[in-house]
Amino acid sequence: MAFAHFFLRPSLAVLEPPQRVRLMHAVLARFFRAVLVAATLVLVTGVWIIGARTRQVAQSGGKFQLPMDWMVMTVIGVLMIAIFGHIRFGLYARLDRAVSAADMTAGGAALASIRRWVGVNLALGLAIIAFVLLT
């Protein structure tokens, strides 16, 4: 996210707007496939870790209580996955339709919305890191 947000997008200023939109469309198609795999793995392994820890504590006769940093990571992580879902299946679909129709104005608007939500997700990710490191 940080690479596309802070390095790729500003560098695209050397291209004409239609080329920019088509290039970002192609880059995001590949990137979002990788993010979908990563988000799925993070969600599955997170649930597995919480489940394993719960079983371990229960077997020793204790009662598992989710640590606060785990709770924050879980809640914000699920929120980030939901935002990614909105970006990928809502906003990117709008970009895809615009590129298919050669409507670069609509494509640019879709990219602007994607950029805003990517910024939100990036801020949430940094907030998780800061919270965990400071607690």
Protein backbone atom coordinates (compact mmCIF):
# COMPACT_ATOMS: atom_id res chain seq x y z
CA MET A 1 0.00 0.00 0.00
CA ALA A 2 2.70 2.45 0.96
CA PHE A 3 4.63 1.89 -2.28
CA ALA A 4 1.62 2.55 -4.50
CA HIS A 5 0.40 5.45 -2.38
CA PHE A 6 3.66 7.33 -1.90
CA PHE A 7 5.87 6.29 -4.82
CA LEU A 8 4.01 4.81 -7.78
CA ARG A 9 1.08 7.23 -7.96
CA PRO A 10 3.18 10.41 -7.80
CA SER A 11 5.58 9.00 -10.39
CA LEU A 12 2.72 8.46 -12.83
CA ALA A 13 2.50 12.23 -13.36
CA VAL A 14 4.88 11.78 -16.31
CA LEU A 15 2.14 9.84 -18.15
CA GLU A 16 -0.98 11.19 -19.82
CA PRO A 17 -4.16 10.68 -17.75
CA PRO A 18 -5.55 7.81 -19.90
CA GLN A 19 -2.23 5.94 -19.61
CA ARG A 20 -2.15 6.59 -15.85
CA VAL A 21 -5.61 5.14 -15.35
CA ARG A 22 -4.90 2.06 -17.46
CA LEU A 23 -1.56 1.43 -15.73
CA MET A 24 -3.04 1.76 -12.24
CA HIS A 25 -5.89 -0.54 -13.29
CA ALA A 26 -3.37 -3.21 -14.35
CA VAL A 27 -1.17 -2.75 -11.26
CA LEU A 28 -4.12 -2.87 -8.87
CA ALA A 29 -5.51 -6.03 -10.52
CA ARG A 30 -2.31 -7.89 -9.65
CA PHE A 31 -1.87 -6.22 -6.27
CA PHE A 32 -5.43 -6.93 -5.12
CA ARG A 33 -5.07 -10.63 -5.95
CA ALA A 34 -2.03 -10.77 -3.66
CA VAL A 35 -3.81 -8.77 -0.95
CA LEU A 36 -6.79 -11.13 -1.09
CA VAL A 37 -4.49 -14.11 -0.48
CA ALA A 38 -2.61 -12.28 2.29
CA ALA A 39 -5.80 -11.09 4.02
CA THR A 40 -7.22 -14.61 3.93
CA LEU A 41 -4.02 -16.06 5.41
CA VAL A 42 -3.90 -13.41 8.15
CA LEU A 43 -7.53 -14.02 9.07
CA VAL A 44 -7.19 -17.83 9.09
CA THR A 45 -3.92 -17.86 11.05
CA GLY A 46 -5.22 -15.26 13.50
CA VAL A 47 -8.31 -17.34 14.25
CA TRP A 48 -6.12 -20.45 14.52
CA ILE A 49 -3.74 -18.76 17.01
CA ILE A 50 -6.60 -17.49 19.17
CA GLY A 51 -8.24 -20.93 19.07
CA ALA A 52 -5.00 -22.74 19.92
CA ARG A 53 -4.33 -20.42 22.85
CA THR A 54 -7.91 -20.79 24.09
CA ARG A 55 -7.62 -24.60 23.98
CA GLN A 56 -4.24 -24.50 25.74
CA VAL A 57 -5.57 -22.38 28.60
CA ALA A 58 -8.76 -24.46 28.86
CA GLN A 59 -6.75 -27.70 29.06
CA SER A 60 -4.79 -26.30 31.98
CA GLY A 61 -8.05 -25.47 33.76
CA GLY A 62 -7.88 -21.73 33.20
CA LYS A 63 -10.21 -19.30 31.53
CA PHE A 64 -8.83 -17.60 28.43
CA GLN A 65 -9.09 -13.85 28.24
CA LEU A 66 -8.03 -12.23 24.99
CA PRO A 67 -5.14 -9.81 25.67
CA MET A 68 -5.96 -6.18 24.90
CA ASP A 69 -3.35 -5.90 22.12
CA TRP A 70 -4.75 -9.06 20.47
CA MET A 71 -8.26 -7.59 20.73
CA VAL A 72 -7.17 -4.32 19.13
CA MET A 73 -5.30 -6.16 16.36
CA THR A 74 -8.31 -8.39 15.72
CA VAL A 75 -10.91 -5.62 15.61
CA ILE A 76 -8.85 -3.23 13.49
CA GLY A 77 -7.62 -6.08 11.29
CA VAL A 78 -11.18 -7.19 10.53
CA LEU A 79 -12.09 -3.55 9.83
CA MET A 80 -9.13 -3.31 7.44
CA ILE A 81 -10.25 -6.47 5.64
CA ALA A 82 -13.77 -5.03 5.33
CA ILE A 83 -12.33 -1.81 3.89
CA PHE A 84 -10.24 -3.86 1.47
CA GLY A 85 -13.42 -5.67 0.42
CA HIS A 86 -15.05 -2.31 -0.31
CA ILE A 87 -12.00 -1.17 -2.27
CA ARG A 88 -11.64 -4.39 -4.26
CA PHE A 89 -15.25 -5.35 -4.92
CA GLY A 90 -16.81 -1.88 -4.99
CA LEU A 91 -14.36 0.81 -6.01
CA TYR A 92 -12.08 -1.33 -8.17
CA ALA A 93 -15.15 -2.75 -9.95
CA ARG A 94 -16.11 0.85 -10.75
CA LEU A 95 -12.58 1.45 -12.09
CA ASP A 96 -12.78 -1.75 -14.14
CA ARG A 97 -16.07 -0.66 -15.74
CA ALA A 98 -14.65 2.80 -16.48
CA VAL A 99 -11.53 1.38 -18.14
CA SER A 100 -13.62 -1.08 -20.18
CA ALA A 101 -15.82 1.81 -21.36
CA ALA A 102 -12.74 4.02 -22.00
CA ASP A 103 -14.25 6.58 -19.59
CA MET A 104 -11.04 7.94 -18.10
CA THR A 105 -12.85 10.67 -16.14
CA ALA A 106 -14.83 8.03 -14.24
CA GLY A 107 -11.65 5.96 -13.96
CA GLY A 108 -9.80 8.88 -12.41
CA ALA A 109 -12.64 9.43 -9.94
CA ALA A 110 -12.59 5.74 -9.00
CA LEU A 111 -8.82 5.90 -8.49
CA ALA A 112 -9.23 8.95 -6.24
CA SER A 113 -11.72 7.02 -4.08
CA ILE A 114 -9.41 4.00 -3.99
CA ARG A 115 -6.52 6.25 -2.94
CA ARG A 116 -8.56 7.75 -0.07
CA TRP A 117 -9.58 4.34 1.29
CA VAL A 118 -6.06 2.95 0.88
CA GLY A 119 -4.90 5.92 2.96
CA VAL A 120 -7.44 5.03 5.65
CA ASN A 121 -6.25 1.41 5.66
CA LEU A 122 -2.62 2.48 5.79
CA ALA A 123 -3.37 4.73 8.79
CA LEU A 124 -5.20 1.88 10.54
CA GLY A 125 -2.26 -0.45 9.94
CA LEU A 126 0.15 2.10 11.39
CA ALA A 127 -2.18 2.59 14.37
CA ILE A 128 -2.11 -1.16 15.08
CA ILE A 129 1.68 -1.19 14.97
CA ALA A 130 1.94 1.87 17.23
CA PHE A 131 -0.55 0.47 19.75
CA VAL A 132 1.14 -2.92 19.98
CA LEU A 133 4.62 -1.41 20.28
CA LEU A 134 3.52 1.07 22.95
CA THR A 135 1.58 -1.38 25.14
